[in-house]
Amino acid sequence: MTLHKDDIDILDRIIEIAVEKGHASNKNLPSLDKSDKSHLDKVKDIEYRPYFKIIEEFEVAHVSLTLDSAYVQPIELTTERFQKNGGFKEEYRKQQQQLGVEKLQTLKKINDARLSQWHKNTYWWTFGIAIAGFIMAFVSLILLFNRR
């Protein structure tokens, strides 16, 4: 799953609340939107549902999704260890690092393909020139020994 920079703080806050209070639900999480309706549990449930799914996918905490609410409960040791190791900020950093590595590997493959194409196009020309040089050197060597 791809993490987005804007989501990192929200995900870390959900995990922090879950560890501090023993659980996190749409009722005890702060609203993401500053509108008048943002205090309603249904609105907060809609706001937080994608984040709960991300937490569930990373298997950081137990997530229980129902029609009218969502509930996140930390897993013993796993959630706290995940939080101490940097949480979603660290996961995002690792993801960005992996994307950088993949970009470099792609560039390497492109350069290798170009080099192979160049090698294929120039190999026989240089081989022919080398053979011609060898023949000329051999002939001149034979002519040099025949003069003596």
C-alpha atoms as a PDB file:
ATOM      1  CA  MET A   1       0.000   0.000   0.000  1.00  0.00           C
ATOM      2  CA  THR A   2       1.294   3.424  -0.880  1.00  0.00           C
ATOM      3  CA  LEU A   3       1.366   5.962   1.923  1.00  0.00           C
ATOM      4  CA  HIS A   4       0.878   9.657   1.235  1.00  0.00           C
ATOM      5  CA  LYS A   5       2.746  12.344   3.126  1.00  0.00           C
ATOM      6  CA  ASP A   6      -0.475  14.067   4.209  1.00  0.00           C
ATOM      7  CA  ASP A   7      -1.777  10.893   5.878  1.00  0.00           C
ATOM      8  CA  ILE A   8       1.264  10.134   8.012  1.00  0.00           C
ATOM      9  CA  ASP A   9       0.488  12.471  10.919  1.00  0.00           C
ATOM     10  CA  ILE A  10      -3.137  11.330  11.072  1.00  0.00           C
ATOM     11  CA  LEU A  11      -2.176   7.649  11.079  1.00  0.00           C
ATOM     12  CA  ASP A  12       0.444   8.199  13.781  1.00  0.00           C
ATOM     13  CA  ARG A  13      -2.093  10.140  15.865  1.00  0.00           C
ATOM     14  CA  ILE A  14      -4.618   7.288  15.635  1.00  0.00           C
ATOM     15  CA  ILE A  15      -1.978   4.796  16.791  1.00  0.00           C
ATOM     16  CA  GLU A  16      -0.900   7.147  19.583  1.00  0.00           C
ATOM     17  CA  ILE A  17      -4.471   7.500  20.877  1.00  0.00           C
ATOM     18  CA  ALA A  18      -5.025   3.736  20.610  1.00  0.00           C
ATOM     19  CA  VAL A  19      -1.915   3.033  22.682  1.00  0.00           C
ATOM     20  CA  GLU A  20      -2.650   5.748  25.274  1.00  0.00           C
ATOM     21  CA  LYS A  21      -6.335   4.951  25.808  1.00  0.00           C
ATOM     22  CA  GLY A  22      -6.332   1.263  24.966  1.00  0.00           C
ATOM     23  CA  HIS A  23      -8.470   1.834  21.884  1.00  0.00           C
ATOM     24  CA  ALA A  24      -9.350   4.445  19.304  1.00  0.00           C
ATOM     25  CA  SER A  25     -12.701   4.934  17.668  1.00  0.00           C
ATOM     26  CA  ASN A  26     -14.360   7.607  15.617  1.00  0.00           C
ATOM     27  CA  LYS A  27     -15.916   8.862  18.855  1.00  0.00           C
ATOM     28  CA  ASN A  28     -12.675   9.659  20.684  1.00  0.00           C
ATOM     29  CA  LEU A  29     -10.639  10.869  17.699  1.00  0.00           C
ATOM     30  CA  PRO A  30     -10.389  14.558  16.848  1.00  0.00           C
ATOM     31  CA  SER A  31     -12.247  15.749  13.792  1.00  0.00           C
ATOM     32  CA  LEU A  32     -10.293  16.158  10.574  1.00  0.00           C
ATOM     33  CA  ASP A  33     -12.630  18.713   9.086  1.00  0.00           C
ATOM     34  CA  LYS A  34     -13.335  22.082  10.711  1.00  0.00           C
ATOM     35  CA  SER A  35     -16.926  22.358   9.460  1.00  0.00           C
ATOM     36  CA  ASP A  36     -19.987  22.529  11.702  1.00  0.00           C
ATOM     37  CA  LYS A  37     -20.949  18.917  11.063  1.00  0.00           C
ATOM     38  CA  SER A  38     -17.512  17.507  11.754  1.00  0.00           C
ATOM     39  CA  HIS A  39     -18.320  16.690  15.388  1.00  0.00           C
ATOM     40  CA  LEU A  40     -20.949  14.132  14.338  1.00  0.00           C
ATOM     41  CA  ASP A  41     -19.788  10.544  14.728  1.00  0.00           C
ATOM     42  CA  LYS A  42     -21.061   9.564  11.279  1.00  0.00           C
ATOM     43  CA  VAL A  43     -19.012  12.323   9.621  1.00  0.00           C
ATOM     44  CA  LYS A  44     -15.914  11.342  11.595  1.00  0.00           C
ATOM     45  CA  ASP A  45     -16.519   7.710  10.694  1.00  0.00           C
ATOM     46  CA  ILE A  46     -16.506   8.608   7.000  1.00  0.00           C
ATOM     47  CA  GLU A  47     -13.386  10.765   7.458  1.00  0.00           C
ATOM     48  CA  TYR A  48     -11.397   8.113   9.317  1.00  0.00           C
ATOM     49  CA  ARG A  49     -12.462   4.951   7.479  1.00  0.00           C
ATOM     50  CA  PRO A  50      -9.645   5.080   4.866  1.00  0.00           C
ATOM     51  CA  TYR A  51      -7.093   5.515   7.661  1.00  0.00           C
ATOM     52  CA  PHE A  52      -8.502   2.553   9.576  1.00  0.00           C
ATOM     53  CA  LYS A  53      -8.174   0.439   6.435  1.00  0.00           C
ATOM     54  CA  ILE A  54      -4.526   1.467   6.091  1.00  0.00           C
ATOM     55  CA  ILE A  55      -3.872   0.506   9.714  1.00  0.00           C
ATOM     56  CA  GLU A  56      -5.595  -2.805   9.118  1.00  0.00           C
ATOM     57  CA  GLU A  57      -3.536  -3.456   5.992  1.00  0.00           C
ATOM     58  CA  PHE A  58      -0.256  -2.762   7.821  1.00  0.00           C
ATOM     59  CA  GLU A  59      -1.436  -5.112  10.609  1.00  0.00           C
ATOM     60  CA  VAL A  60      -0.391  -2.629  13.260  1.00  0.00           C
ATOM     61  CA  ALA A  61      -3.597  -2.900  15.297  1.00  0.00           C
ATOM     62  CA  HIS A  62      -6.885  -4.784  15.302  1.00  0.00           C
ATOM     63  CA  VAL A  63      -9.479  -2.831  13.341  1.00  0.00           C
ATOM     64  CA  SER A  64     -13.168  -3.489  13.647  1.00  0.00           C
ATOM     65  CA  LEU A  65     -15.347  -1.771  11.054  1.00  0.00           C
ATOM     66  CA  THR A  66     -19.126  -1.769  11.364  1.00  0.00           C
ATOM     67  CA  LEU A  67     -21.807   0.180   9.551  1.00  0.00           C
ATOM     68  CA  ASP A  68     -21.974   2.984  12.101  1.00  0.00           C
ATOM     69  CA  SER A  69     -18.564   2.977  13.785  1.00  0.00           C
ATOM     70  CA  ALA A  70     -14.973   1.937  13.599  1.00  0.00           C
ATOM     71  CA  TYR A  71     -12.752   0.727  16.386  1.00  0.00           C
ATOM     72  CA  VAL A  72      -8.967   0.330  16.589  1.00  0.00           C
ATOM     73  CA  GLN A  73      -7.442  -1.738  19.355  1.00  0.00           C
ATOM     74  CA  PRO A  74      -3.660  -2.030  19.716  1.00  0.00           C
ATOM     75  CA  ILE A  75      -2.022  -5.425  19.495  1.00  0.00           C
ATOM     76  CA  GLU A  76       0.133  -6.197  22.511  1.00  0.00           C
ATOM     77  CA  LEU A  77       3.790  -5.327  21.893  1.00  0.00           C
ATOM     78  CA  THR A  78       3.318  -5.005  18.141  1.00  0.00           C
ATOM     79  CA  THR A  79       1.616  -1.614  18.162  1.00  0.00           C
ATOM     80  CA  GLU A  80       3.914  -0.131  20.798  1.00  0.00           C
ATOM     81  CA  ARG A  81       7.005  -1.484  19.045  1.00  0.00           C
ATOM     82  CA  PHE A  82       5.738  -0.077  15.737  1.00  0.00           C
ATOM     83  CA  GLN A  83       5.211   3.304  17.397  1.00  0.00           C
ATOM     84  CA  LYS A  84       8.645   3.287  19.065  1.00  0.00           C
ATOM     85  CA  ASN A  85      10.317   2.361  15.777  1.00  0.00           C
ATOM     86  CA  GLY A  86       9.002   5.514  14.151  1.00  0.00           C
ATOM     87  CA  GLY A  87       5.465   4.544  13.236  1.00  0.00           C
ATOM     88  CA  PHE A  88       4.096   5.513   9.870  1.00  0.00           C
ATOM     89  CA  LYS A  89       6.735   8.238   9.440  1.00  0.00           C
ATOM     90  CA  GLU A  90       9.387   5.536   9.341  1.00  0.00           C
ATOM     91  CA  GLU A  91       7.270   3.408   6.992  1.00  0.00           C
ATOM     92  CA  TYR A  92       6.878   6.427   4.694  1.00  0.00           C
ATOM     93  CA  ARG A  93      10.629   7.048   4.781  1.00  0.00           C
ATOM     94  CA  LYS A  94      11.289   3.391   3.893  1.00  0.00           C
ATOM     95  CA  GLN A  95       8.730   3.612   1.093  1.00  0.00           C
ATOM     96  CA  GLN A  96      10.399   6.713  -0.350  1.00  0.00           C
ATOM     97  CA  GLN A  97      13.800   5.062  -0.075  1.00  0.00           C
ATOM     98  CA  GLN A  98      12.488   1.972  -1.892  1.00  0.00           C
ATOM     99  CA  LEU A  99      11.032   4.187  -4.637  1.00  0.00           C
ATOM    100  CA  GLY A 100      14.449   5.822  -5.028  1.00  0.00           C
ATOM    101  CA  VAL A 101      16.116   2.428  -5.329  1.00  0.00           C
ATOM    102  CA  GLU A 102      13.555   1.324  -7.916  1.00  0.00           C
ATOM    103  CA  LYS A 103      14.168   4.512  -9.927  1.00  0.00           C
ATOM    104  CA  LEU A 104      17.911   3.849  -9.901  1.00  0.00           C
ATOM    105  CA  GLN A 105      17.364   0.251 -10.967  1.00  0.00           C
ATOM    106  CA  THR A 106      15.137   1.414 -13.815  1.00  0.00           C
ATOM    107  CA  LEU A 107      17.768   3.929 -14.938  1.00  0.00           C
ATOM    108  CA  LYS A 108      20.415   1.214 -14.776  1.00  0.00           C
ATOM    109  CA  LYS A 109      18.301  -1.086 -16.934  1.00  0.00           C
ATOM    110  CA  ILE A 110      17.735   1.697 -19.472  1.00  0.00           C
ATOM    111  CA  ASN A 111      21.457   2.491 -19.604  1.00  0.00           C
ATOM    112  CA  ASP A 112      22.327  -1.202 -19.909  1.00  0.00           C
ATOM    113  CA  ALA A 113      19.886  -1.540 -22.808  1.00  0.00           C
ATOM    114  CA  ARG A 114      21.405   1.492 -24.551  1.00  0.00           C
ATOM    115  CA  LEU A 115      24.913   0.134 -24.003  1.00  0.00           C
ATOM    116  CA  SER A 116      23.902  -3.258 -25.364  1.00  0.00           C
ATOM    117  CA  GLN A 117      22.411  -1.615 -28.440  1.00  0.00           C
ATOM    118  CA  TRP A 118      25.560   0.448 -28.955  1.00  0.00           C
ATOM    119  CA  HIS A 119      27.707  -2.650 -28.463  1.00  0.00           C
ATOM    120  CA  LYS A 120      25.641  -4.586 -30.982  1.00  0.00           C
ATOM    121  CA  ASN A 121      25.913  -1.777 -33.540  1.00  0.00           C
ATOM    122  CA  THR A 122      29.671  -1.242 -33.186  1.00  0.00           C
ATOM    123  CA  TYR A 123      31.008  -4.719 -32.457  1.00  0.00           C
ATOM    124  CA  TRP A 124      31.415  -6.003 -36.029  1.00  0.00           C
ATOM    125  CA  TRP A 125      32.933  -2.736 -37.254  1.00  0.00           C
ATOM    126  CA  THR A 126      35.596  -2.770 -34.566  1.00  0.00           C
ATOM    127  CA  PHE A 127      36.152  -6.511 -35.038  1.00  0.00           C
ATOM    128  CA  GLY A 128      36.676  -5.955 -38.784  1.00  0.00           C
ATOM    129  CA  ILE A 129      39.146  -3.148 -38.138  1.00  0.00           C
ATOM    130  CA  ALA A 130      41.025  -5.329 -35.628  1.00  0.00           C
ATOM    131  CA  ILE A 131      41.236  -8.211 -38.130  1.00  0.00           C
ATOM    132  CA  ALA A 132      42.440  -5.821 -40.854  1.00  0.00           C
ATOM    133  CA  GLY A 133      45.100  -4.436 -38.463  1.00  0.00           C
ATOM    134  CA  PHE A 134      46.212  -7.949 -37.552  1.00  0.00           C
ATOM    135  CA  ILE A 135      46.523  -8.926 -41.222  1.00  0.00           C
ATOM    136  CA  MET A 136      48.478  -5.748 -42.030  1.00  0.00           C
ATOM    137  CA  ALA A 137      50.819  -6.309 -39.063  1.00  0.00           C
ATOM    138  CA  PHE A 138      51.334  -9.955 -39.997  1.00  0.00           C
ATOM    139  CA  VAL A 139      52.058  -9.070 -43.629  1.00  0.00           C
ATOM    140  CA  SER A 140      54.525  -6.360 -42.660  1.00  0.00           C
ATOM    141  CA  LEU A 141      56.217  -8.757 -40.230  1.00  0.00           C
ATOM    142  CA  ILE A 142      56.599 -11.398 -42.973  1.00  0.00           C
ATOM    143  CA  LEU A 143      57.929  -8.751 -45.401  1.00  0.00           C
ATOM    144  CA  LEU A 144      60.404  -7.568 -42.765  1.00  0.00           C
ATOM    145  CA  PHE A 145      61.762 -11.095 -42.221  1.00  0.00           C
ATOM    146  CA  ASN A 146      61.950 -11.774 -45.971  1.00  0.00           C
ATOM    147  CA  ARG A 147      64.187  -8.729 -46.570  1.00  0.00           C
ATOM    148  CA  ARG A 148      66.848 -10.016 -44.234  1.00  0.00           C
END
